[in-house]
Amino acid sequence: GSILGMSASEVEFNGHEVVKDAIGEVTNMMVGGFKNALCDVGFPCKLTLPTIVRGNHLKVSAIKGTARHIFRFDCGGGSLFADIQVKME
């Protein structure tokens, strides 16, 4: 709600798509900065669009030939995971 400038009831009224869109935008900003930093030091990069998945007991498979890094963030009684997969060519 804070990121969106909305109260908890407004977020609930607007549904999960609002939260998904906000997380997607934050993800784009963070990863875009990371990508630009890599390009600045000579590593040309391509990004895929972020995929936002919600649920319990999820399993995400690694993409073949990638280095995988999973980060967990806990906030407000919930957890957010960032699953980053990098393929060097």
PDB file of N, CA and C in Angstrom:
ATOM      1  N   GLY A   1       0.801  -1.198   0.000  1.00  0.00           N
ATOM      2  CA  GLY A   1       0.000   0.000   0.000  1.00  0.00           C
ATOM      3  C   GLY A   1       0.840   1.255   0.000  1.00  0.00           C
ATOM      4  N   SER A   2       1.958   1.225   0.731  1.00  0.00           N
ATOM      5  CA  SER A   2       2.822   2.410   0.803  1.00  0.00           C
ATOM      6  C   SER A   2       3.393   2.769  -0.562  1.00  0.00           C
ATOM      7  N   ILE A   3       3.856   1.770  -1.293  1.00  0.00           N
ATOM      8  CA  ILE A   3       4.424   2.019  -2.623  1.00  0.00           C
ATOM      9  C   ILE A   3       3.374   2.603  -3.552  1.00  0.00           C
ATOM     10  N   LEU A   4       2.148   2.111  -3.434  1.00  0.00           N
ATOM     11  CA  LEU A   4       1.067   2.533  -4.322  1.00  0.00           C
ATOM     12  C   LEU A   4       0.365   3.796  -3.843  1.00  0.00           C
ATOM     13  N   GLY A   5       0.666   4.226  -2.618  1.00  0.00           N
ATOM     14  CA  GLY A   5      -0.033   5.382  -2.063  1.00  0.00           C
ATOM     15  C   GLY A   5      -1.487   5.057  -1.758  1.00  0.00           C
ATOM     16  N   MET A   6      -1.736   3.808  -1.364  1.00  0.00           N
ATOM     17  CA  MET A   6      -3.095   3.342  -1.101  1.00  0.00           C
ATOM     18  C   MET A   6      -3.189   2.771   0.307  1.00  0.00           C
ATOM     19  N   SER A   7      -4.391   2.836   0.853  1.00  0.00           N
ATOM     20  CA  SER A   7      -4.631   2.187   2.146  1.00  0.00           C
ATOM     21  C   SER A   7      -4.768   0.685   1.906  1.00  0.00           C
ATOM     22  N   ALA A   8      -4.710  -0.083   2.990  1.00  0.00           N
ATOM     23  CA  ALA A   8      -4.858  -1.535   2.876  1.00  0.00           C
ATOM     24  C   ALA A   8      -6.212  -1.892   2.268  1.00  0.00           C
ATOM     25  N   SER A   9      -7.256  -1.158   2.623  1.00  0.00           N
ATOM     26  CA  SER A   9      -8.583  -1.457   2.067  1.00  0.00           C
ATOM     27  C   SER A   9      -8.646  -1.128   0.578  1.00  0.00           C
ATOM     28  N   GLU A  10      -7.946  -0.076   0.143  1.00  0.00           N
ATOM     29  CA  GLU A  10      -7.905   0.252  -1.288  1.00  0.00           C
ATOM     30  C   GLU A  10      -7.156  -0.820  -2.079  1.00  0.00           C
ATOM     31  N   VAL A  11      -6.062  -1.312  -1.518  1.00  0.00           N
ATOM     32  CA  VAL A  11      -5.311  -2.387  -2.181  1.00  0.00           C
ATOM     33  C   VAL A  11      -6.192  -3.628  -2.288  1.00  0.00           C
ATOM     34  N   GLU A  12      -6.867  -3.968  -1.198  1.00  0.00           N
ATOM     35  CA  GLU A  12      -7.746  -5.141  -1.211  1.00  0.00           C
ATOM     36  C   GLU A  12      -8.873  -4.958  -2.233  1.00  0.00           C
ATOM     37  N   PHE A  13      -9.448  -3.769  -2.287  1.00  0.00           N
ATOM     38  CA  PHE A  13     -10.538  -3.494  -3.230  1.00  0.00           C
ATOM     39  C   PHE A  13     -10.072  -3.631  -4.681  1.00  0.00           C
ATOM     40  N   ASN A  14      -8.847  -3.166  -4.974  1.00  0.00           N
ATOM     41  CA  ASN A  14      -8.323  -3.199  -6.347  1.00  0.00           C
ATOM     42  C   ASN A  14      -7.779  -4.555  -6.747  1.00  0.00           C
ATOM     43  N   GLY A  15      -7.554  -5.432  -5.804  1.00  0.00           N
ATOM     44  CA  GLY A  15      -7.164  -6.805  -6.106  1.00  0.00           C
ATOM     45  C   GLY A  15      -5.673  -7.011  -6.256  1.00  0.00           C
ATOM     46  N   HIS A  16      -5.321  -8.269  -6.492  1.00  0.00           N
ATOM     47  CA  HIS A  16      -3.923  -8.689  -6.551  1.00  0.00           C
ATOM     48  C   HIS A  16      -3.179  -8.128  -7.761  1.00  0.00           C
ATOM     49  N   GLU A  17      -3.886  -7.789  -8.827  1.00  0.00           N
ATOM     50  CA  GLU A  17      -3.223  -7.271 -10.027  1.00  0.00           C
ATOM     51  C   GLU A  17      -2.468  -5.972  -9.737  1.00  0.00           C
ATOM     52  N   VAL A  18      -3.019  -5.142  -8.850  1.00  0.00           N
ATOM     53  CA  VAL A  18      -2.358  -3.887  -8.488  1.00  0.00           C
ATOM     54  C   VAL A  18      -1.023  -4.169  -7.814  1.00  0.00           C
ATOM     55  N   VAL A  19      -1.016  -5.131  -6.905  1.00  0.00           N
ATOM     56  CA  VAL A  19       0.216  -5.507  -6.202  1.00  0.00           C
ATOM     57  C   VAL A  19       1.209  -6.115  -7.191  1.00  0.00           C
ATOM     58  N   LYS A  20       0.720  -6.996  -8.056  1.00  0.00           N
ATOM     59  CA  LYS A  20       1.568  -7.636  -9.063  1.00  0.00           C
ATOM     60  C   LYS A  20       2.220  -6.593  -9.969  1.00  0.00           C
ATOM     61  N   ASP A  21       1.454  -5.624 -10.417  1.00  0.00           N
ATOM     62  CA  ASP A  21       1.999  -4.564 -11.270  1.00  0.00           C
ATOM     63  C   ASP A  21       3.060  -3.740 -10.546  1.00  0.00           C
ATOM     64  N   ALA A  22       2.819  -3.419  -9.276  1.00  0.00           N
ATOM     65  CA  ALA A  22       3.788  -2.637  -8.503  1.00  0.00           C
ATOM     66  C   ALA A  22       5.083  -3.410  -8.311  1.00  0.00           C
ATOM     67  N   ILE A  23       4.982  -4.690  -7.987  1.00  0.00           N
ATOM     68  CA  ILE A  23       6.187  -5.512  -7.806  1.00  0.00           C
ATOM     69  C   ILE A  23       6.928  -5.638  -9.134  1.00  0.00           C
ATOM     70  N   GLY A  24       6.196  -5.791 -10.228  1.00  0.00           N
ATOM     71  CA  GLY A  24       6.825  -5.846 -11.550  1.00  0.00           C
ATOM     72  C   GLY A  24       7.595  -4.580 -11.873  1.00  0.00           C
ATOM     73  N   GLU A  25       7.031  -3.418 -11.547  1.00  0.00           N
ATOM     74  CA  GLU A  25       7.712  -2.150 -11.808  1.00  0.00           C
ATOM     75  C   GLU A  25       8.968  -1.994 -10.949  1.00  0.00           C
ATOM     76  N   VAL A  26       8.877  -2.345  -9.671  1.00  0.00           N
ATOM     77  CA  VAL A  26      10.053  -2.279  -8.790  1.00  0.00           C
ATOM     78  C   VAL A  26      11.135  -3.228  -9.301  1.00  0.00           C
ATOM     79  N   THR A  27      10.721  -4.421  -9.718  1.00  0.00           N
ATOM     80  CA  THR A  27      11.664  -5.397 -10.267  1.00  0.00           C
ATOM     81  C   THR A  27      12.349  -4.846 -11.510  1.00  0.00           C
ATOM     82  N   ASN A  28      11.577  -4.254 -12.421  1.00  0.00           N
ATOM     83  CA  ASN A  28      12.160  -3.669 -13.631  1.00  0.00           C
ATOM     84  C   ASN A  28      13.195  -2.601 -13.298  1.00  0.00           C
ATOM     85  N   MET A  29      12.900  -1.748 -12.312  1.00  0.00           N
ATOM     86  CA  MET A  29      13.838  -0.687 -11.934  1.00  0.00           C
ATOM     87  C   MET A  29      15.125  -1.266 -11.355  1.00  0.00           C
ATOM     88  N   MET A  30      14.995  -2.243 -10.468  1.00  0.00           N
ATOM     89  CA  MET A  30      16.178  -2.830  -9.840  1.00  0.00           C
ATOM     90  C   MET A  30      17.039  -3.567 -10.860  1.00  0.00           C
ATOM     91  N   VAL A  31      16.419  -4.411 -11.658  1.00  0.00           N
ATOM     92  CA  VAL A  31      17.166  -5.219 -12.611  1.00  0.00           C
ATOM     93  C   VAL A  31      17.721  -4.350 -13.735  1.00  0.00           C
ATOM     94  N   GLY A  32      16.981  -3.315 -14.122  1.00  0.00           N
ATOM     95  CA  GLY A  32      17.474  -2.396 -15.149  1.00  0.00           C
ATOM     96  C   GLY A  32      18.755  -1.706 -14.710  1.00  0.00           C
ATOM     97  N   GLY A  33      18.813  -1.298 -13.449  1.00  0.00           N
ATOM     98  CA  GLY A  33      20.033  -0.686 -12.922  1.00  0.00           C
ATOM     99  C   GLY A  33      21.195  -1.663 -12.903  1.00  0.00           C
ATOM    100  N   PHE A  34      20.919  -2.898 -12.513  1.00  0.00           N
ATOM    101  CA  PHE A  34      21.938  -3.946 -12.493  1.00  0.00           C
ATOM    102  C   PHE A  34      22.445  -4.216 -13.910  1.00  0.00           C
ATOM    103  N   LYS A  35      21.523  -4.323 -14.862  1.00  0.00           N
ATOM    104  CA  LYS A  35      21.884  -4.555 -16.263  1.00  0.00           C
ATOM    105  C   LYS A  35      22.749  -3.414 -16.793  1.00  0.00           C
ATOM    106  N   ASN A  36      22.365  -2.190 -16.504  1.00  0.00           N
ATOM    107  CA  ASN A  36      23.148  -1.038 -16.970  1.00  0.00           C
ATOM    108  C   ASN A  36      24.553  -1.045 -16.391  1.00  0.00           C
ATOM    109  N   ALA A  37      24.686  -1.420 -15.126  1.00  0.00           N
ATOM    110  CA  ALA A  37      26.009  -1.483 -14.504  1.00  0.00           C
ATOM    111  C   ALA A  37      26.874  -2.539 -15.187  1.00  0.00           C
ATOM    112  N   LEU A  38      26.286  -3.689 -15.514  1.00  0.00           N
ATOM    113  CA  LEU A  38      27.044  -4.720 -16.226  1.00  0.00           C
ATOM    114  C   LEU A  38      27.460  -4.243 -17.620  1.00  0.00           C
ATOM    115  N   CYS A  39      26.563  -3.577 -18.312  1.00  0.00           N
ATOM    116  CA  CYS A  39      26.887  -3.054 -19.649  1.00  0.00           C
ATOM    117  C   CYS A  39      27.999  -2.004 -19.571  1.00  0.00           C
ATOM    118  N   ASP A  40      27.971  -1.186 -18.521  1.00  0.00           N
ATOM    119  CA  ASP A  40      28.988  -0.136 -18.352  1.00  0.00           C
ATOM    120  C   ASP A  40      30.392  -0.708 -18.199  1.00  0.00           C
ATOM    121  N   VAL A  41      30.518  -1.931 -17.675  1.00  0.00           N
ATOM    122  CA  VAL A  41      31.845  -2.532 -17.507  1.00  0.00           C
ATOM    123  C   VAL A  41      32.158  -3.551 -18.600  1.00  0.00           C
ATOM    124  N   GLY A  42      31.349  -3.557 -19.677  1.00  0.00           N
ATOM    125  CA  GLY A  42      31.683  -4.359 -20.842  1.00  0.00           C
ATOM    126  C   GLY A  42      30.966  -5.679 -21.013  1.00  0.00           C
ATOM    127  N   PHE A  43      29.932  -5.936 -20.226  1.00  0.00           N
ATOM    128  CA  PHE A  43      29.164  -7.171 -20.389  1.00  0.00           C
ATOM    129  C   PHE A  43      27.834  -6.852 -21.052  1.00  0.00           C
ATOM    130  N   PRO A  44      27.708  -7.086 -22.359  1.00  0.00           N
ATOM    131  CA  PRO A  44      26.423  -6.822 -23.007  1.00  0.00           C
ATOM    132  C   PRO A  44      25.350  -7.751 -22.433  1.00  0.00           C
ATOM    133  N   CYS A  45      24.168  -7.220 -22.179  1.00  0.00           N
ATOM    134  CA  CYS A  45      23.122  -7.976 -21.505  1.00  0.00           C
ATOM    135  C   CYS A  45      21.788  -7.861 -22.224  1.00  0.00           C
ATOM    136  N   LYS A  46      20.969  -8.890 -22.020  1.00  0.00           N
ATOM    137  CA  LYS A  46      19.563  -8.883 -22.419  1.00  0.00           C
ATOM    138  C   LYS A  46      18.766  -9.313 -21.206  1.00  0.00           C
ATOM    139  N   LEU A  47      17.601  -8.732 -21.046  1.00  0.00           N
ATOM    140  CA  LEU A  47      16.733  -9.098 -19.933  1.00  0.00           C
ATOM    141  C   LEU A  47      15.437  -9.681 -20.446  1.00  0.00           C
ATOM    142  N   THR A  48      14.884 -10.617 -19.688  1.00  0.00           N
ATOM    143  CA  THR A  48      13.533 -11.073 -19.952  1.00  0.00           C
ATOM    144  C   THR A  48      12.598 -10.261 -19.066  1.00  0.00           C
ATOM    145  N   LEU A  49      11.340 -10.270 -19.383  1.00  0.00           N
ATOM    146  CA  LEU A  49      10.364  -9.603 -18.528  1.00  0.00           C
ATOM    147  C   LEU A  49      10.264 -10.366 -17.217  1.00  0.00           C
ATOM    148  N   PRO A  50      10.074  -9.656 -16.098  1.00  0.00           N
ATOM    149  CA  PRO A  50       9.944 -10.368 -14.831  1.00  0.00           C
ATOM    150  C   PRO A  50       8.648 -11.162 -14.805  1.00  0.00           C
ATOM    151  N   THR A  51       8.680 -12.282 -14.124  1.00  0.00           N
ATOM    152  CA  THR A  51       7.493 -13.095 -13.928  1.00  0.00           C
ATOM    153  C   THR A  51       7.136 -13.032 -12.457  1.00  0.00           C
ATOM    154  N   ILE A  52       5.937 -12.611 -12.150  1.00  0.00           N
ATOM    155  CA  ILE A  52       5.480 -12.503 -10.768  1.00  0.00           C
ATOM    156  C   ILE A  52       4.556 -13.688 -10.508  1.00  0.00           C
ATOM    157  N   VAL A  53       4.901 -14.507  -9.514  1.00  0.00           N
ATOM    158  CA  VAL A  53       4.125 -15.699  -9.184  1.00  0.00           C
ATOM    159  C   VAL A  53       3.741 -15.620  -7.718  1.00  0.00           C
ATOM    160  N   ARG A  54       2.472 -15.850  -7.415  1.00  0.00           N
ATOM    161  CA  ARG A  54       1.996 -15.855  -6.034  1.00  0.00           C
ATOM    162  C   ARG A  54       1.466 -17.229  -5.700  1.00  0.00           C
ATOM    163  N   GLY A  55       1.660 -17.663  -4.464  1.00  0.00           N
ATOM    164  CA  GLY A  55       1.099 -18.944  -4.049  1.00  0.00           C
ATOM    165  C   GLY A  55       1.860 -19.524  -2.886  1.00  0.00           C
ATOM    166  N   ASN A  56       1.514 -20.733  -2.555  1.00  0.00           N
ATOM    167  CA  ASN A  56       2.166 -21.463  -1.470  1.00  0.00           C
ATOM    168  C   ASN A  56       2.824 -22.708  -2.040  1.00  0.00           C
ATOM    169  N   HIS A  57       3.974 -23.058  -1.487  1.00  0.00           N
ATOM    170  CA  HIS A  57       4.684 -24.281  -1.861  1.00  0.00           C
ATOM    171  C   HIS A  57       4.975 -24.342  -3.363  1.00  0.00           C
ATOM    172  N   LEU A  58       5.503 -23.256  -3.893  1.00  0.00           N
ATOM    173  CA  LEU A  58       5.817 -23.183  -5.318  1.00  0.00           C
ATOM    174  C   LEU A  58       7.176 -23.792  -5.603  1.00  0.00           C
ATOM    175  N   LYS A  59       7.318 -24.313  -6.787  1.00  0.00           N
ATOM    176  CA  LYS A  59       8.603 -24.830  -7.233  1.00  0.00           C
ATOM    177  C   LYS A  59       8.886 -24.234  -8.608  1.00  0.00           C
ATOM    178  N   VAL A  60      10.038 -23.598  -8.727  1.00  0.00           N
ATOM    179  CA  VAL A  60      10.445 -22.991  -9.991  1.00  0.00           C
ATOM    180  C   VAL A  60      11.696 -23.720 -10.461  1.00  0.00           C
ATOM    181  N   SER A  61      11.668 -24.200 -11.682  1.00  0.00           N
ATOM    182  CA  SER A  61      12.812 -24.933 -12.230  1.00  0.00           C
ATOM    183  C   SER A  61      13.836 -23.962 -12.798  1.00  0.00           C
ATOM    184  N   ALA A  62      15.085 -24.344 -12.700  1.00  0.00           N
ATOM    185  CA  ALA A  62      16.162 -23.533 -13.270  1.00  0.00           C
ATOM    186  C   ALA A  62      16.177 -23.694 -14.785  1.00  0.00           C
ATOM    187  N   ILE A  63      16.614 -22.661 -15.449  1.00  0.00           N
ATOM    188  CA  ILE A  63      16.795 -22.704 -16.893  1.00  0.00           C
ATOM    189  C   ILE A  63      18.141 -23.361 -17.160  1.00  0.00           C
ATOM    190  N   LYS A  64      18.180 -24.294 -18.087  1.00  0.00           N
ATOM    191  CA  LYS A  64      19.406 -25.030 -18.394  1.00  0.00           C
ATOM    192  C   LYS A  64      20.531 -24.072 -18.788  1.00  0.00           C
ATOM    193  N   GLY A  65      21.715 -24.293 -18.210  1.00  0.00           N
ATOM    194  CA  GLY A  65      22.894 -23.510 -18.551  1.00  0.00           C
ATOM    195  C   GLY A  65      22.995 -22.165 -17.854  1.00  0.00           C
ATOM    196  N   THR A  66      22.241 -21.975 -16.770  1.00  0.00           N
ATOM    197  CA  THR A  66      22.298 -20.692 -16.064  1.00  0.00           C
ATOM    198  C   THR A  66      22.911 -20.855 -14.679  1.00  0.00           C
ATOM    199  N   ALA A  67      23.435 -19.752 -14.166  1.00  0.00           N
ATOM    200  CA  ALA A  67      23.829 -19.677 -12.759  1.00  0.00           C
ATOM    201  C   ALA A  67      22.611 -19.124 -12.024  1.00  0.00           C
ATOM    202  N   ARG A  68      22.193 -19.799 -10.968  1.00  0.00           N
ATOM    203  CA  ARG A  68      20.957 -19.433 -10.273  1.00  0.00           C
ATOM    204  C   ARG A  68      21.265 -18.906  -8.881  1.00  0.00           C
ATOM    205  N   HIS A  69      20.596 -17.805  -8.533  1.00  0.00           N
ATOM    206  CA  HIS A  69      20.737 -17.199  -7.211  1.00  0.00           C
ATOM    207  C   HIS A  69      19.335 -16.884  -6.697  1.00  0.00           C
ATOM    208  N   ILE A  70      19.025 -17.361  -5.492  1.00  0.00           N
ATOM    209  CA  ILE A  70      17.713 -17.142  -4.900  1.00  0.00           C
ATOM    210  C   ILE A  70      17.896 -16.305  -3.634  1.00  0.00           C
ATOM    211  N   PHE A  71      17.125 -15.219  -3.549  1.00  0.00           N
ATOM    212  CA  PHE A  71      17.188 -14.317  -2.409  1.00  0.00           C
ATOM    213  C   PHE A  71      15.812 -14.265  -1.752  1.00  0.00           C
ATOM    214  N   ARG A  72      15.783 -14.287  -0.421  1.00  0.00           N
ATOM    215  CA  ARG A  72      14.528 -14.227   0.330  1.00  0.00           C
ATOM    216  C   ARG A  72      14.477 -12.920   1.116  1.00  0.00           C
ATOM    217  N   PHE A  73      13.336 -12.261   1.031  1.00  0.00           N
ATOM    218  CA  PHE A  73      13.096 -11.028   1.765  1.00  0.00           C
ATOM    219  C   PHE A  73      11.834 -11.226   2.595  1.00  0.00           C
ATOM    220  N   ASP A  74      11.918 -10.973   3.903  1.00  0.00           N
ATOM    221  CA  ASP A  74      10.765 -11.102   4.796  1.00  0.00           C
ATOM    222  C   ASP A  74      10.265  -9.718   5.177  1.00  0.00           C
ATOM    223  N   CYS A  75       8.948  -9.534   5.066  1.00  0.00           N
ATOM    224  CA  CYS A  75       8.366  -8.230   5.374  1.00  0.00           C
ATOM    225  C   CYS A  75       6.893  -8.404   5.723  1.00  0.00           C
ATOM    226  N   GLY A  76       6.473  -7.795   6.794  1.00  0.00           N
ATOM    227  CA  GLY A  76       5.064  -7.796   7.151  1.00  0.00           C
ATOM    228  C   GLY A  76       4.457  -9.172   7.325  1.00  0.00           C
ATOM    229  N   GLY A  77       5.238 -10.127   7.800  1.00  0.00           N
ATOM    230  CA  GLY A  77       4.723 -11.468   8.014  1.00  0.00           C
ATOM    231  C   GLY A  77       4.707 -12.340   6.770  1.00  0.00           C
ATOM    232  N   GLY A  78       5.154 -11.810   5.643  1.00  0.00           N
ATOM    233  CA  GLY A  78       5.209 -12.586   4.406  1.00  0.00           C
ATOM    234  C   GLY A  78       6.628 -12.639   3.877  1.00  0.00           C
ATOM    235  N   SER A  79       6.828 -13.422   2.852  1.00  0.00           N
ATOM    236  CA  SER A  79       8.152 -13.557   2.242  1.00  0.00           C
ATOM    237  C   SER A  79       8.070 -13.262   0.757  1.00  0.00           C
ATOM    238  N   LEU A  80       9.131 -12.676   0.238  1.00  0.00           N
ATOM    239  CA  LEU A  80       9.282 -12.411  -1.186  1.00  0.00           C
ATOM    240  C   LEU A  80      10.587 -13.050  -1.618  1.00  0.00           C
ATOM    241  N   PHE A  81      10.555 -13.822  -2.677  1.00  0.00           N
ATOM    242  CA  PHE A  81      11.750 -14.479  -3.180  1.00  0.00           C
ATOM    243  C   PHE A  81      12.104 -13.898  -4.532  1.00  0.00           C
ATOM    244  N   ALA A  82      13.371 -13.628  -4.736  1.00  0.00           N
ATOM    245  CA  ALA A  82      13.885 -13.231  -6.043  1.00  0.00           C
ATOM    246  C   ALA A  82      14.723 -14.395  -6.550  1.00  0.00           C
ATOM    247  N   ASP A  83      14.316 -14.977  -7.655  1.00  0.00           N
ATOM    248  CA  ASP A  83      15.012 -16.103  -8.272  1.00  0.00           C
ATOM    249  C   ASP A  83      15.671 -15.564  -9.532  1.00  0.00           C
ATOM    250  N   ILE A  84      16.968 -15.343  -9.458  1.00  0.00           N
ATOM    251  CA  ILE A  84      17.706 -14.730 -10.568  1.00  0.00           C
ATOM    252  C   ILE A  84      18.544 -15.793 -11.255  1.00  0.00           C
ATOM    253  N   GLN A  85      18.355 -15.896 -12.554  1.00  0.00           N
ATOM    254  CA  GLN A  85      19.109 -16.877 -13.337  1.00  0.00           C
ATOM    255  C   GLN A  85      19.874 -16.142 -14.423  1.00  0.00           C
ATOM    256  N   VAL A  86      21.185 -16.375 -14.456  1.00  0.00           N
ATOM    257  CA  VAL A  86      22.072 -15.666 -15.380  1.00  0.00           C
ATOM    258  C   VAL A  86      22.746 -16.675 -16.297  1.00  0.00           C
ATOM    259  N   LYS A  87      22.692 -16.386 -17.585  1.00  0.00           N
ATOM    260  CA  LYS A  87      23.337 -17.236 -18.572  1.00  0.00           C
ATOM    261  C   LYS A  87      24.431 -16.419 -19.249  1.00  0.00           C
ATOM    262  N   MET A  88      25.661 -16.871 -19.126  1.00  0.00           N
ATOM    263  CA  MET A  88      26.799 -16.191 -19.745  1.00  0.00           C
ATOM    264  C   MET A  88      27.058 -16.841 -21.094  1.00  0.00           C
ATOM    265  N   GLU A  89      27.143 -16.027 -22.135  1.00  0.00           N
ATOM    266  CA  GLU A  89      27.405 -16.565 -23.472  1.00  0.00           C
ATOM    267  C   GLU A  89      28.760 -16.110 -23.969  1.00  0.00           C
TER     268      GLU A  89
END
